[in-house]
Structures are given as C-alpha cells and as structure tokens.
N, C-alpha and C. Protein backbone atom coordinates (compact mmCIF):
# COMPACT_ATOMS: atom_id res chain seq x y z
N UNK A 1 4.14 11.03 27.18
CA UNK A 1 5.02 11.35 27.26
C UNK A 1 5.83 12.72 26.62
N UNK A 2 6.88 13.09 27.95
CA UNK A 2 7.60 14.63 27.58
C UNK A 2 8.36 14.39 26.00
N UNK A 3 8.70 15.29 25.65
CA UNK A 3 10.26 15.08 24.72
C UNK A 3 11.08 14.52 24.78
N UNK A 4 11.65 14.87 26.57
CA UNK A 4 12.77 14.16 26.57
C UNK A 4 12.61 12.69 26.90
N UNK A 5 11.56 11.50 26.66
CA UNK A 5 11.33 10.54 26.99
C UNK A 5 11.30 10.00 25.41
N UNK A 6 10.65 10.88 25.12
CA UNK A 6 11.22 10.45 23.28
C UNK A 6 12.63 10.59 22.54
N UNK A 7 13.21 11.50 23.04
CA UNK A 7 14.75 11.72 22.95
C UNK A 7 15.45 9.97 23.22
N UNK A 8 14.92 10.00 24.09
CA UNK A 8 15.46 8.68 25.15
C UNK A 8 15.11 6.92 24.50
N UNK A 9 14.29 7.45 23.80
CA UNK A 9 13.43 5.76 23.03
C UNK A 9 15.15 5.53 21.40
N UNK A 10 15.08 4.57 22.24
CA UNK A 10 16.58 3.77 21.14
C UNK A 10 17.09 2.50 21.14
N UNK A 11 16.42 1.75 19.54
CA UNK A 11 16.77 0.57 18.50
C UNK A 11 17.63 0.32 17.98
N UNK A 12 18.37 -0.86 19.01
CA UNK A 12 19.60 -1.11 18.01
C UNK A 12 19.12 -2.16 16.76
N UNK A 13 19.74 -1.67 15.66
CA UNK A 13 19.65 -2.58 14.81
C UNK A 13 20.06 -3.98 14.26
N UNK A 14 19.76 -5.01 14.27
CA UNK A 14 21.39 -5.64 13.95
C UNK A 14 21.11 -6.96 13.33
N UNK A 15 19.86 -7.28 13.01
CA UNK A 15 19.21 -8.36 12.53
C UNK A 15 19.63 -9.11 11.31
N UNK A 16 20.04 -8.31 10.39
CA UNK A 16 20.25 -8.90 9.35
C UNK A 16 21.60 -7.57 8.09
N UNK A 17 22.34 -8.21 6.96
CA UNK A 17 22.93 -6.82 6.08
C UNK A 17 21.85 -7.08 4.97
N UNK A 18 21.99 -5.81 4.32
CA UNK A 18 21.52 -6.02 2.57
C UNK A 18 22.87 -5.29 1.86
N UNK A 19 22.77 -5.94 0.91
CA UNK A 19 24.42 -6.01 0.19
C UNK A 19 23.90 -5.41 -1.44
N UNK A 20 24.20 -4.46 -2.14
CA UNK A 20 24.38 -5.18 -3.27
C UNK A 20 24.20 -5.87 -4.44
N UNK A 21 25.88 -6.23 -3.63
CA UNK A 21 25.91 -8.35 -4.81
C UNK A 21 24.78 -9.40 -4.59
N UNK A 22 23.65 -9.07 -3.21
CA UNK A 22 22.91 -9.68 -2.70
C UNK A 22 21.94 -10.13 -3.42
N UNK A 23 21.16 -8.53 -3.51
CA UNK A 23 19.76 -8.41 -3.88
C UNK A 23 20.00 -9.08 -4.99
N UNK A 24 18.15 -9.04 -5.65
CA UNK A 24 17.93 -9.88 -6.88
C UNK A 24 17.64 -8.89 -7.98
N UNK A 25 18.00 -9.35 -9.39
CA UNK A 25 18.05 -8.23 -10.34
C UNK A 25 17.14 -8.15 -10.64
N UNK A 26 15.83 -8.01 -9.98
CA UNK A 26 15.03 -7.05 -10.25
C UNK A 26 14.52 -6.15 -9.58
N UNK A 27 13.54 -5.27 -8.89
CA UNK A 27 13.13 -5.05 -7.48
C UNK A 27 11.70 -6.19 -7.06
N UNK A 28 11.46 -6.07 -7.96
CA UNK A 28 10.14 -6.97 -7.68
C UNK A 28 10.04 -8.57 -7.25
N UNK A 29 11.39 -9.03 -7.85
CA UNK A 29 12.16 -10.26 -7.64
C UNK A 29 12.44 -10.63 -5.77
N UNK A 30 13.57 -8.56 -5.53
CA UNK A 30 14.10 -8.64 -4.08
C UNK A 30 12.02 -8.49 -3.17
N UNK A 31 11.29 -7.63 -3.79
CA UNK A 31 10.09 -7.31 -3.27
C UNK A 31 9.25 -8.83 -2.47
N UNK A 32 9.74 -9.44 -3.70
CA UNK A 32 8.61 -10.99 -3.65
C UNK A 32 9.64 -11.83 -2.31
N UNK A 33 10.46 -11.86 -2.55
CA UNK A 33 11.52 -12.17 -1.36
C UNK A 33 11.41 -11.55 -0.17
N UNK A 34 11.77 -10.71 0.14
CA UNK A 34 11.16 -10.01 1.38
C UNK A 34 9.55 -10.03 2.12
N UNK A 35 8.39 -9.97 1.04
CA UNK A 35 7.47 -9.79 1.74
C UNK A 35 6.77 -10.83 2.04
N UNK A 36 7.23 -12.66 1.25
CA UNK A 36 7.62 -13.59 1.70
C UNK A 36 7.92 -14.42 3.23
N UNK A 37 9.47 -13.82 2.77
CA UNK A 37 9.88 -13.65 4.42
C UNK A 37 9.29 -12.42 5.91
N UNK A 38 8.28 -11.86 5.45
CA UNK A 38 7.84 -11.20 6.51
C UNK A 38 6.62 -12.02 6.63
N UNK A 39 6.26 -12.64 6.09
CA UNK A 39 4.19 -13.79 6.23
C UNK A 39 5.09 -14.82 6.31
N UNK A 40 5.95 -15.42 6.11
CA UNK A 40 7.06 -16.44 7.01
C UNK A 40 7.31 -16.26 8.85
N UNK A 41 7.41 -15.23 8.84
CA UNK A 41 7.92 -14.81 10.32
C UNK A 41 6.70 -14.15 10.76
N UNK A 42 5.71 -14.19 10.22
CA UNK A 42 4.51 -13.89 11.62
C UNK A 42 3.93 -12.77 11.90
N UNK A 43 4.85 -11.33 10.75
CA UNK A 43 4.51 -10.02 10.77
C UNK A 43 3.11 -9.66 10.68
N UNK A 44 2.65 -9.13 10.91
CA UNK A 44 0.82 -8.83 11.61
C UNK A 44 0.62 -8.11 10.46
N UNK A 45 -0.09 -8.17 9.15
CA UNK A 45 -0.52 -7.66 8.13
C UNK A 45 0.18 -6.86 7.60
N UNK A 46 1.15 -8.66 6.81
CA UNK A 46 2.55 -7.35 5.78
C UNK A 46 2.28 -7.00 4.48
N UNK A 47 1.10 -7.13 4.19
CA UNK A 47 1.01 -6.39 3.00
C UNK A 47 0.29 -5.14 2.56
N UNK A 48 0.33 -4.92 4.87
CA UNK A 48 -0.10 -3.33 5.29
C UNK A 48 0.98 -2.33 4.36
N UNK A 49 0.50 -1.30 3.91
CA UNK A 49 1.74 -0.39 3.02
C UNK A 49 0.91 1.35 3.45
N UNK A 50 1.91 2.32 3.11
CA UNK A 50 1.50 2.99 3.04
C UNK A 50 1.06 4.06 1.69
N UNK A 51 0.78 4.32 1.34
CA UNK A 51 -0.36 5.24 0.29
C UNK A 51 0.37 6.20 0.64
N UNK A 52 0.87 7.58 -0.13
CA UNK A 52 1.45 8.84 -0.39
C UNK A 52 0.53 9.57 -1.68
N UNK A 53 -0.84 9.92 -1.69
CA UNK A 53 -1.00 10.86 -3.09
C UNK A 53 -0.90 12.90 -2.54
N UNK A 54 -0.98 13.07 -3.38
CA UNK A 54 -1.58 14.81 -3.74
C UNK A 54 -2.05 14.34 -4.22
N UNK A 55 -2.21 16.29 -4.14
CA UNK A 55 -3.36 17.86 -5.13
C UNK A 55 -2.30 17.54 -5.83
N UNK A 56 -3.14 18.26 -6.76
CA UNK A 56 -2.40 19.47 -7.79
C UNK A 56 -1.45 20.42 -7.95
N UNK A 57 -1.72 20.98 -6.39
CA UNK A 57 -1.04 21.40 -6.50
C UNK A 57 0.33 20.79 -5.31
N UNK A 58 0.24 20.13 -5.16
CA UNK A 58 1.47 19.17 -4.21
C UNK A 58 1.23 19.08 -2.55
N UNK A 59 -0.26 19.38 -1.87
CA UNK A 59 -0.72 19.28 -0.81
C UNK A 59 -0.74 17.07 -0.88
N UNK A 60 -0.41 16.79 0.18
CA UNK A 60 0.12 15.52 0.30
C UNK A 60 -0.86 15.16 1.35
N UNK A 61 -0.96 14.06 1.69
CA UNK A 61 -1.92 12.92 2.11
C UNK A 61 -1.32 11.44 2.49
N UNK A 62 -1.75 10.65 3.11
CA UNK A 62 -1.34 9.69 3.59
C UNK A 62 -2.23 8.58 4.18
N UNK A 63 -1.91 7.39 3.86
CA UNK A 63 -2.99 6.69 4.89
C UNK A 63 -2.51 5.12 4.46
N UNK A 64 -3.04 4.47 5.19
CA UNK A 64 -2.54 2.80 4.88
C UNK A 64 -3.91 1.84 4.46
N UNK A 65 -3.13 1.38 3.41
CA UNK A 65 -3.90 0.10 2.74
C UNK A 65 -3.25 -1.03 2.39
N UNK A 66 -4.30 -2.04 2.05
CA UNK A 66 -3.63 -3.01 1.82
C UNK A 66 -2.92 -3.80 0.14
N UNK A 67 -1.63 -4.11 -0.13
CA UNK A 67 -1.60 -4.40 -1.64
C UNK A 67 -2.10 -5.72 -1.91
N UNK A 68 -2.95 -5.93 -2.76
CA UNK A 68 -4.05 -7.59 -3.25
C UNK A 68 -3.42 -7.81 -4.22
N UNK A 69 -2.72 -7.52 -5.09
CA UNK A 69 -1.95 -7.85 -5.92
C UNK A 69 -0.09 -7.51 -6.33
N UNK A 70 0.26 -8.28 -6.87
CA UNK A 70 1.58 -7.43 -7.82
C UNK A 70 2.61 -8.04 -8.20
N UNK A 71 2.83 -8.12 -9.56
CA UNK A 71 3.76 -8.69 -10.22
C UNK A 71 4.44 -7.12 -11.02
N UNK A 72 5.31 -7.74 -12.62
CA UNK A 72 6.38 -6.92 -13.55
C UNK A 72 5.33 -5.85 -13.42
N UNK A 73 4.05 -5.38 -13.81
CA UNK A 73 3.38 -4.70 -13.62
C UNK A 73 2.86 -2.95 -13.24
N UNK A 74 2.90 -4.05 -11.97
CA UNK A 74 2.82 -3.27 -10.61
C UNK A 74 2.33 -3.58 -9.37
N UNK A 75 1.95 -3.04 -8.28
CA UNK A 75 1.59 -2.84 -7.34
C UNK A 75 0.28 -2.20 -7.18
N UNK A 76 -1.03 -3.71 -6.16
CA UNK A 76 -2.41 -3.28 -6.51
C UNK A 76 -2.93 -2.48 -5.16
N UNK A 77 -3.70 -2.28 -5.21
CA UNK A 77 -4.91 -1.84 -3.89
C UNK A 77 -6.58 -1.21 -4.79
N UNK A 78 -7.18 -1.31 -3.79
CA UNK A 78 -8.65 -1.13 -4.14
C UNK A 78 -9.26 -0.02 -2.92
N UNK A 79 -10.49 0.75 -3.97
CA UNK A 79 -11.07 1.79 -2.90
C UNK A 79 -11.98 2.73 -3.80
N UNK A 80 -12.80 3.37 -2.48
CA UNK A 80 -14.02 3.91 -3.10
C UNK A 80 -13.39 4.73 -4.34
N UNK A 81 -13.59 5.27 -5.56
CA UNK A 81 -13.00 6.15 -6.49
C UNK A 81 -13.41 7.01 -6.15
N UNK A 82 -14.32 8.07 -4.81
CA UNK A 82 -14.80 8.97 -5.06
C UNK A 82 -14.22 9.34 -3.17
N UNK A 83 -13.80 8.73 -2.66
CA UNK A 83 -12.43 8.36 -1.98
C UNK A 83 -11.51 9.81 -2.34
N UNK A 84 -10.63 10.04 -1.11
CA UNK A 84 -9.95 11.22 -0.51
C UNK A 84 -8.58 10.64 -1.76
N UNK A 85 -8.62 9.75 -1.92
CA UNK A 85 -7.44 9.02 -2.52
C UNK A 85 -7.46 9.04 -3.59
N UNK A 86 -8.47 9.10 -3.81
CA UNK A 86 -9.07 9.21 -5.53
C UNK A 86 -8.69 10.12 -5.93
N UNK A 87 -9.78 11.03 -5.38
CA UNK A 87 -9.72 12.23 -5.71
C UNK A 87 -7.89 12.93 -6.14
N UNK A 88 -7.42 12.48 -5.38
CA UNK A 88 -5.78 12.82 -5.54
C UNK A 88 -5.13 12.12 -6.80
N UNK A 89 -5.38 11.18 -7.24
CA UNK A 89 -5.56 10.19 -8.30
C UNK A 89 -5.63 10.89 -9.30
N UNK A 90 -6.06 11.48 -9.31
CA UNK A 90 -7.20 12.39 -10.49
C UNK A 90 -6.78 13.55 -10.87
N UNK A 91 -6.11 13.92 -9.51
CA UNK A 91 -5.68 15.08 -9.73
C UNK A 91 -3.77 15.45 -10.36
N UNK A 92 -2.88 14.08 -9.45
CA UNK A 92 -2.41 13.85 -9.43
C UNK A 92 -2.03 12.70 -9.52
N UNK A 93 -1.86 11.97 -11.07
CA UNK A 93 -0.95 10.36 -10.56
C UNK A 93 -0.13 9.45 -10.20
N UNK A 94 0.50 10.91 -9.63
CA UNK A 94 2.38 9.83 -9.11
C UNK A 94 1.81 9.70 -7.37
N UNK A 95 2.48 8.64 -7.21
CA UNK A 95 2.42 8.41 -5.41
C UNK A 95 3.14 7.72 -5.03
N UNK A 96 3.11 7.65 -3.69
CA UNK A 96 4.36 6.53 -3.56
C UNK A 96 3.89 5.41 -1.74
N UNK A 97 4.64 4.16 -2.18
CA UNK A 97 4.37 3.66 -1.26
C UNK A 97 5.63 2.72 -0.39
N UNK A 98 5.01 2.18 1.43
CA UNK A 98 6.15 2.57 2.32
C UNK A 98 5.40 1.16 2.84
N UNK A 99 6.44 0.36 3.01
CA UNK A 99 6.03 -1.00 3.52
C UNK A 99 6.84 -0.59 4.78
N UNK A 100 6.50 -1.58 6.34
CA UNK A 100 7.59 -1.53 7.05
C UNK A 100 7.15 -2.39 7.67
N UNK A 101 8.51 -3.61 8.00
CA UNK A 101 8.22 -4.68 8.73
C UNK A 101 9.28 -4.42 9.59
N UNK A 102 9.25 -3.49 11.41
CA UNK A 102 9.71 -3.72 12.17
C UNK A 102 10.61 -4.91 12.53
N UNK A 103 9.61 -6.23 12.92
CA UNK A 103 10.06 -7.83 13.41
C UNK A 103 11.47 -7.56 12.06
N UNK A 104 11.03 -7.19 11.39
CA UNK A 104 12.35 -7.78 10.15
C UNK A 104 13.64 -6.81 10.56
N UNK A 105 13.02 -5.76 10.86
CA UNK A 105 13.39 -4.88 10.29
C UNK A 105 14.73 -3.53 9.37
N UNK A 106 13.39 -3.91 8.45
CA UNK A 106 13.56 -3.47 6.87
C UNK A 106 11.60 -3.09 6.13
N UNK A 107 12.19 -2.06 5.93
CA UNK A 107 11.17 -1.15 5.16
C UNK A 107 11.40 -1.10 3.59
N UNK A 108 10.48 -0.46 2.58
CA UNK A 108 10.86 -0.24 1.18
C UNK A 108 9.41 -0.03 1.25
N UNK A 109 10.45 1.24 0.46
CA UNK A 109 9.83 2.82 -0.99
C UNK A 109 9.08 1.81 -2.32
N UNK A 110 8.11 2.77 -2.49
CA UNK A 110 8.52 2.66 -3.80
C UNK A 110 8.19 3.78 -4.21
N UNK A 111 8.06 4.36 -5.40
CA UNK A 111 7.55 5.53 -5.68
C UNK A 111 7.53 5.28 -7.84
N UNK A 112 6.01 5.84 -8.18
CA UNK A 112 5.87 5.37 -9.51
C UNK A 112 4.22 6.21 -10.36
N UNK A 113 4.05 6.27 -10.85
CA UNK A 113 2.63 6.68 -10.83
C UNK A 113 1.30 5.57 -11.10
N UNK A 114 0.18 5.71 -10.91
CA UNK A 114 -0.77 5.14 -10.36
C UNK A 114 -2.17 5.04 -11.60
N UNK A 115 -2.11 3.68 -12.07
CA UNK A 115 -3.02 3.76 -13.25
C UNK A 115 -4.30 3.47 -12.64
N UNK A 116 -5.77 3.39 -12.89
CA UNK A 116 -6.95 3.05 -12.56
C UNK A 116 -6.84 1.35 -13.26
N UNK A 117 -7.60 0.35 -12.67
CA UNK A 117 -7.89 -0.68 -13.06
C UNK A 117 -8.77 -0.85 -13.92
N UNK A 118 -9.00 -1.81 -14.73
CA UNK A 118 -9.88 -2.40 -15.74
C UNK A 118 -11.03 -3.46 -14.70
N UNK A 119 -12.52 -2.63 -15.29
CA UNK A 119 -13.36 -3.11 -15.11
C UNK A 119 -13.16 -4.56 -14.80
N UNK A 120 -12.89 -5.30 -15.49
CA UNK A 120 -12.59 -7.06 -15.11
C UNK A 120 -12.15 -6.85 -14.16
N UNK A 121 -10.42 -6.12 -14.34
CA UNK A 121 -9.17 -6.97 -12.89
C UNK A 121 -10.78 -6.39 -11.51
N UNK A 122 -10.92 -5.23 -11.76
CA UNK A 122 -11.83 -4.85 -10.33
C UNK A 122 -12.98 -5.67 -9.89
N UNK A 123 -13.73 -5.83 -10.91
CA UNK A 123 -14.60 -7.38 -10.47
C UNK A 123 -14.26 -9.26 -9.92
N UNK A 124 -12.85 -9.00 -11.17
CA UNK A 124 -12.33 -10.16 -10.22
C UNK A 124 -12.01 -10.30 -9.03
N UNK A 125 -11.63 -9.02 -8.13
CA UNK A 125 -10.68 -8.93 -7.12
C UNK A 125 -11.86 -9.02 -6.05
N UNK A 126 -12.94 -8.20 -6.78
CA UNK A 126 -14.34 -8.07 -6.13
C UNK A 126 -15.41 -9.02 -5.15
N UNK A 127 -15.24 -10.29 -6.60
CA UNK A 127 -15.61 -11.89 -6.11
C UNK A 127 -15.01 -12.09 -4.76
N UNK A 128 -13.58 -12.20 -4.71
CA UNK A 128 -13.01 -12.87 -4.06
C UNK A 128 -13.31 -12.19 -1.53
N UNK A 129 -13.83 -10.94 -1.78
CA UNK A 129 -14.33 -10.04 -0.98
C UNK A 129 -14.92 -11.13 0.26
N UNK A 130 -15.37 -11.12 1.19
CA UNK A 130 -16.38 -12.03 1.91
C UNK A 130 -17.94 -10.71 1.69
N UNK A 131 -18.67 -11.54 1.61
CA UNK A 131 -19.59 -11.09 1.55
C UNK A 131 -19.99 -9.74 1.70
N UNK A 132 -19.85 -9.63 3.39
CA UNK A 132 -20.08 -8.82 4.34
C UNK A 132 -19.19 -7.01 3.96
N UNK A 133 -18.22 -7.67 3.18
CA UNK A 133 -16.93 -6.35 2.46
C UNK A 133 -17.51 -6.07 1.07
N UNK A 134 -18.48 -7.05 0.40
CA UNK A 134 -18.87 -6.00 -0.85
C UNK A 134 -20.22 -5.79 -0.29
N UNK A 135 -20.97 -5.64 1.08
CA UNK A 135 -22.19 -4.95 0.83
C UNK A 135 -21.49 -3.74 1.68
N UNK A 136 -20.06 -3.81 2.32
CA UNK A 136 -19.71 -2.99 3.59
C UNK A 136 -19.42 -1.42 2.50
N UNK A 137 -19.74 -2.05 0.62
CA UNK A 137 -18.45 -1.10 -0.64
C UNK A 137 -19.57 -0.16 -0.65
N UNK A 138 -21.07 -1.22 -0.45
CA UNK A 138 -21.85 -0.12 -1.46
C UNK A 138 -22.22 0.90 0.02
N UNK A 139 -22.07 0.22 1.05
CA UNK A 139 -22.72 1.25 2.26
C UNK A 139 -22.07 2.66 2.85
N UNK A 140 -20.55 2.37 2.71
CA UNK A 140 -19.74 3.68 3.30
C UNK A 140 -19.39 4.34 2.34
N UNK A 141 -20.24 6.03 2.55
CA UNK A 141 -19.69 7.01 1.17
C UNK A 141 -18.09 7.14 1.90
N UNK A 142 -17.02 6.43 1.42
CA UNK A 142 -15.99 6.87 1.94
C UNK A 142 -15.28 8.30 1.76
N UNK A 143 -15.36 8.55 2.53
CA UNK A 143 -14.13 10.11 3.22
C UNK A 143 -14.79 10.87 3.55
N UNK A 144 -16.39 11.44 3.36
CA UNK A 144 -17.44 11.95 3.82
C UNK A 144 -17.50 12.19 4.99
N UNK A 145 -18.38 13.18 5.29
CA UNK A 145 -18.37 13.43 6.83
C UNK A 145 -20.29 12.62 7.17
N UNK A 146 -20.80 11.56 7.74
CA UNK A 146 -21.15 11.06 8.26
C UNK A 146 -21.92 11.39 10.02
N UNK A 147 -23.00 11.94 10.40
CA UNK A 147 -23.48 12.13 11.09
C UNK A 147 -23.07 11.61 12.46
N UNK A 148 -22.57 9.89 12.52
CA UNK A 148 -22.50 8.98 13.74
C UNK A 148 -22.09 7.95 13.13
N UNK A 149 -22.19 6.92 13.73
CA UNK A 149 -22.08 5.20 13.91
C UNK A 149 -23.40 4.82 13.38
N UNK A 150 -24.04 5.28 14.05
CA UNK A 150 -25.71 4.59 13.69
C UNK A 150 -26.00 4.85 12.05
N UNK A 151 -25.80 5.84 11.74
CA UNK A 151 -25.62 6.17 10.40
C UNK A 151 -25.45 5.17 9.74
N UNK A 152 -24.30 4.94 9.43
CA UNK A 152 -23.33 4.17 8.81
C UNK A 152 -23.97 2.62 8.86
N UNK A 153 -24.27 1.84 10.22
CA UNK A 153 -24.90 0.84 10.56
C UNK A 153 -26.75 0.89 9.89
N UNK A 154 -27.04 1.39 9.51
CA UNK A 154 -28.49 1.81 9.27
C UNK A 154 -28.25 1.53 7.79
N UNK A 155 -27.28 2.50 6.91
CA UNK A 155 -26.88 1.87 5.26
C UNK A 155 -26.40 0.35 5.17
N UNK A 156 -26.28 0.09 5.81
CA UNK A 156 -25.79 -1.53 5.94
C UNK A 156 -26.24 -2.41 5.83
N UNK A 157 -27.37 -1.94 7.47
CA UNK A 157 -28.55 -2.96 7.17
C UNK A 157 -29.90 -3.01 6.12
N UNK A 158 -29.25 -0.97 5.39
CA UNK A 158 -30.31 -1.22 4.80
C UNK A 158 -29.80 -2.37 2.78
N UNK A 159 -28.69 -1.77 2.90
CA UNK A 159 -28.25 -3.03 2.02
C UNK A 159 -28.31 -4.70 2.05
N UNK A 160 -28.13 -4.77 3.53
CA UNK A 160 -28.07 -5.85 3.92
C UNK A 160 -29.39 -6.73 3.23
N UNK A 161 -30.61 -5.69 3.44
CA UNK A 161 -31.87 -5.85 2.79
C UNK A 161 -31.54 -5.54 1.44
N UNK A 162 -31.38 -5.06 1.18
CA UNK A 162 -31.85 -5.27 -0.37
C UNK A 162 -30.59 -5.91 -1.34
N UNK A 163 -29.64 -6.59 -1.11
CA UNK A 163 -29.30 -7.79 -1.39
C UNK A 163 -29.68 -9.22 -0.93
N UNK A 164 -30.01 -9.21 -0.13
CA UNK A 164 -30.58 -10.86 0.64
C UNK A 164 -31.39 -11.37 -0.63
N UNK A 165 -30.13 -12.50 -0.33
CA UNK A 165 -30.83 -13.50 -1.71
C UNK A 165 -30.26 -13.21 -2.70
N UNK A 166 -29.77 -12.04 -2.96
CA UNK A 166 -28.74 -11.90 -4.45
C UNK A 166 -27.62 -11.91 -4.18
N UNK A 167 -27.48 -12.09 -5.67
CA UNK A 167 -25.50 -11.52 -6.36
C UNK A 167 -25.12 -10.50 -5.44
N UNK A 168 -24.05 -10.36 -5.15
CA UNK A 168 -23.82 -8.76 -4.60
C UNK A 168 -22.99 -8.31 -5.44
N UNK A 169 -22.74 -7.06 -6.83
CA UNK A 169 -22.43 -6.48 -8.09
C UNK A 169 -21.35 -5.58 -6.91
N UNK A 170 -20.18 -5.67 -7.82
CA UNK A 170 -19.38 -4.28 -7.58
C UNK A 170 -19.81 -3.42 -7.87
N UNK A 171 -19.67 -2.50 -7.03
CA UNK A 171 -20.38 -0.95 -6.69
C UNK A 171 -19.84 -0.05 -8.17
N UNK A 172 -20.31 1.09 -8.86
CA UNK A 172 -20.02 1.40 -9.99
C UNK A 172 -18.32 2.53 -9.58
N UNK A 173 -18.88 2.52 -7.93
CA UNK A 173 -18.21 3.98 -7.93
C UNK A 173 -16.31 3.03 -6.70
N UNK A 174 -16.47 1.86 -6.85
CA UNK A 174 -15.72 1.24 -6.71
C UNK A 174 -14.49 0.05 -7.22
N UNK A 175 -13.23 0.46 -6.87
CA UNK A 175 -12.34 -0.53 -8.21
C UNK A 175 -11.05 -0.72 -7.30
N UNK A 176 -10.49 -0.60 -8.56
CA UNK A 176 -8.69 -0.87 -8.30
C UNK A 176 -8.05 0.47 -8.69
N UNK A 177 -6.20 0.09 -8.00
CA UNK A 177 -5.51 0.83 -8.66
C UNK A 177 -3.85 0.19 -8.77
N UNK A 178 -3.15 0.57 -9.54
CA UNK A 178 -1.73 -0.04 -10.02
C UNK A 178 -1.00 0.93 -9.77
N UNK A 179 -0.02 0.62 -8.90
CA UNK A 179 0.89 1.84 -9.28
C UNK A 179 1.80 0.98 -9.80
N UNK A 180 2.52 2.21 -11.19
CA UNK A 180 3.97 1.41 -11.83
C UNK A 180 5.03 1.69 -11.18
N UNK A 181 5.79 1.02 -10.81
CA UNK A 181 7.12 1.80 -10.00
C UNK A 181 7.85 1.99 -11.12
N UNK A 182 8.80 3.01 -10.59
CA UNK A 182 10.33 3.30 -11.70
C UNK A 182 11.02 3.63 -10.82
N UNK A 183 10.37 3.45 -9.35
CA UNK A 183 12.54 3.59 -7.89
C UNK A 183 11.22 3.01 -7.02
N UNK A 184 12.26 2.05 -6.50
CA UNK A 184 12.19 1.43 -5.34
C UNK A 184 13.82 1.60 -4.85
N UNK A 185 13.27 1.65 -2.87
CA UNK A 185 13.93 0.84 -2.26
C UNK A 185 13.38 0.39 -1.26
N UNK A 186 15.19 0.02 -0.84
CA UNK A 186 14.95 -1.54 -0.02
C UNK A 186 15.99 -1.36 1.37
N UNK A 187 15.36 -1.11 2.43
CA UNK A 187 15.87 -0.61 3.73
C UNK A 187 15.85 -1.46 4.61
N UNK A 188 17.89 -1.69 5.18
CA UNK A 188 17.93 -2.87 6.41
C UNK A 188 18.49 -2.16 7.30
N UNK A 189 18.14 -1.65 8.31
CA UNK A 189 18.13 -2.02 9.33
C UNK A 189 19.91 -2.02 9.92
N UNK A 190 20.93 -1.28 10.44
CA UNK A 190 22.35 -2.00 10.67
C UNK A 190 22.22 -0.98 12.61
N UNK A 191 23.11 -1.23 12.81
CA UNK A 191 23.55 -1.38 13.53
C UNK A 191 24.67 0.47 13.43
N UNK A 192 24.17 1.27 14.38
CA UNK A 192 24.49 3.34 14.82
C UNK A 192 24.11 3.59 13.47
N UNK A 193 22.62 3.54 13.27
CA UNK A 193 22.20 4.74 12.03
C UNK A 193 22.83 4.20 11.10
N UNK A 194 24.06 2.81 10.96
CA UNK A 194 24.32 3.03 9.42
C UNK A 194 23.23 1.64 8.75
N UNK A 195 22.03 2.54 8.61
CA UNK A 195 21.37 1.14 7.57
C UNK A 195 21.52 1.28 6.22
N UNK A 196 21.45 -0.17 5.90
CA UNK A 196 21.55 0.01 4.02
C UNK A 196 20.48 0.00 3.44
N UNK A 197 20.75 0.88 2.25
CA UNK A 197 19.76 1.38 1.34
C UNK A 197 20.40 1.29 -0.01
N UNK A 198 19.09 0.17 -0.75
CA UNK A 198 20.02 -0.29 -2.09
C UNK A 198 18.32 0.57 -2.84
N UNK A 199 18.80 1.09 -3.74
CA UNK A 199 18.21 1.77 -4.40
C UNK A 199 17.76 0.74 -6.30
N UNK A 200 16.57 0.87 -6.25
CA UNK A 200 16.29 -0.10 -7.67
C UNK A 200 15.56 1.42 -8.37
N UNK A 201 16.46 2.16 -9.47
CA UNK A 201 15.89 3.18 -10.63
C UNK A 201 15.58 2.68 -12.51
N UNK A 202 14.51 2.55 -12.25
CA UNK A 202 14.20 2.57 -13.81
C UNK A 202 14.76 2.95 -15.13
N UNK A 203 16.04 3.30 -15.65
CA UNK A 203 16.45 3.84 -16.72
C UNK A 203 16.52 3.47 -18.12
N UNK A 204 15.73 3.89 -18.97
CA UNK A 204 15.25 3.48 -20.36
C UNK A 204 14.86 1.64 -20.33
N UNK A 205 14.06 1.28 -19.27
CA UNK A 205 13.49 -0.14 -19.20
C UNK A 205 14.48 -1.22 -18.63
N UNK A 206 15.07 -0.51 -17.93
CA UNK A 206 16.06 -0.94 -17.08
C UNK A 206 16.66 -1.39 -16.00
N UNK A 207 17.08 -1.88 -15.09
CA UNK A 207 17.00 -1.13 -13.45
C UNK A 207 18.23 -1.34 -13.26
N UNK A 208 18.51 0.35 -12.54
CA UNK A 208 20.18 0.51 -12.10
C UNK A 208 19.99 0.31 -10.47
N UNK A 209 20.72 -0.64 -10.01
CA UNK A 209 21.53 -0.85 -8.62
C UNK A 209 22.46 -0.61 -8.20
N UNK A 210 21.85 0.97 -7.22
CA UNK A 210 22.98 1.86 -6.73
C UNK A 210 22.65 1.47 -4.97
N UNK A 211 23.96 1.82 -4.37
CA UNK A 211 23.77 2.06 -2.61
C UNK A 211 23.47 3.22 -2.35
N UNK A 212 23.23 3.55 -1.65
CA UNK A 212 22.33 4.91 -0.78
C UNK A 212 22.67 4.99 0.33
N UNK A 213 23.56 6.23 0.75
CA UNK A 213 24.35 6.67 1.92
C UNK A 213 23.16 6.89 2.84
N UNK A 214 22.73 6.14 4.41
CA UNK A 214 21.89 5.71 5.43
C UNK A 214 21.39 7.46 5.26
C-alpha cells in the first residue's frame, strides 16, 4: 500500500457521544461501564491494553498485555520479572495504558505509577492459569534472544516432564504489577474528527473532570 492509499483511508465516527455531564463520578466506574459494554458487544480481547514503559533516560517501548484485575487501587497485569517491560519499570516506575475498542469507536488512556504486586497476589492469580500456561511461565526466558522455536519447545517439554504429576508453583521470576492511576482519558469518536475527550485528573485525592479539545 502506498502513502497515497493510506491518506485515502477514512472512517467517519458516529456511534455515540460522550458528555462530561453524563460520565460517572469516578474513572473506575466509567471504565467499568465501558469495559462491560465492550464485553457485551463481543469485542475481541476486550481486556487487551497497550502498556508503555520507558528507561531511566526516557527511551520508550510499548507492547500489548492483558488486564487481569482492576479496582479503585489500579489496573493489574502479570509478566516475567526479567522481561524488558519489568526492567523498564525498575528503572522508571511511571507508565501508561491504552485500551482501544474500534467496534465501539472508543479508547481509554490511563497514566500512573506502577507497583509490584505482593507474592500473595501473584500466587492467587497464578493458580487460576491453565496448566500449560503455568508451565510456559517456567519455560520462557522472556525477552531474551533464543536460537529457534525448537529450543523453546524443548524447554517446554523438559518442564512438562519435571512437573508431571506435581503442582506447578509460580516461578520466583514471574508475577504481577499494578498501575495506580493519576489520569484517565475517555475518547469517543465523533463525526468530522471532533471527537469527545473527557479527562479525569487526580488532585488531592479527588477526581477532577474536564473536557479536552479533540
């Protein structure tokens, strides 16, 4: 596809509107409403979110991960503690999340500080994973260079044999993080690119609601 073809791509947003007078008083309540609607609408992977992190000197990286829990305390995900994202978080604990639900012409941006989950929280989630996923957490040296796919498959087979007939415990280098939000932005597509953008900012433990220009 040429740049000319990309320039011709157009989608007119017209499904919904979003007013600062209609949103919930807290961003978690508003997020809960929108996520519920995304699930009910059959959006594929509605809990998929882009997680952006950076190094201590501000070099960014981003990837898609899955939201596994959320409440007033924040948004939680799980990963290998030796992965690139984990190393970024160790250097710079501030991060950002983006949810995009094109079927509903909506996105949500979230910014905040990322905290490591407790062992109890990580253990509790790990127990809910399918057995193959539990073993995969042991087998994958996440974010490191490996020679080929067969190398990974051999590691998986080795750990399957090691844990045969045993309870698969959580690897010590695998667990959760929670992004504690200080900012939410809810974006609803509107005609003529005049989109609705409602921002919640945490000020003195209170959420301030404002409209942003598109």
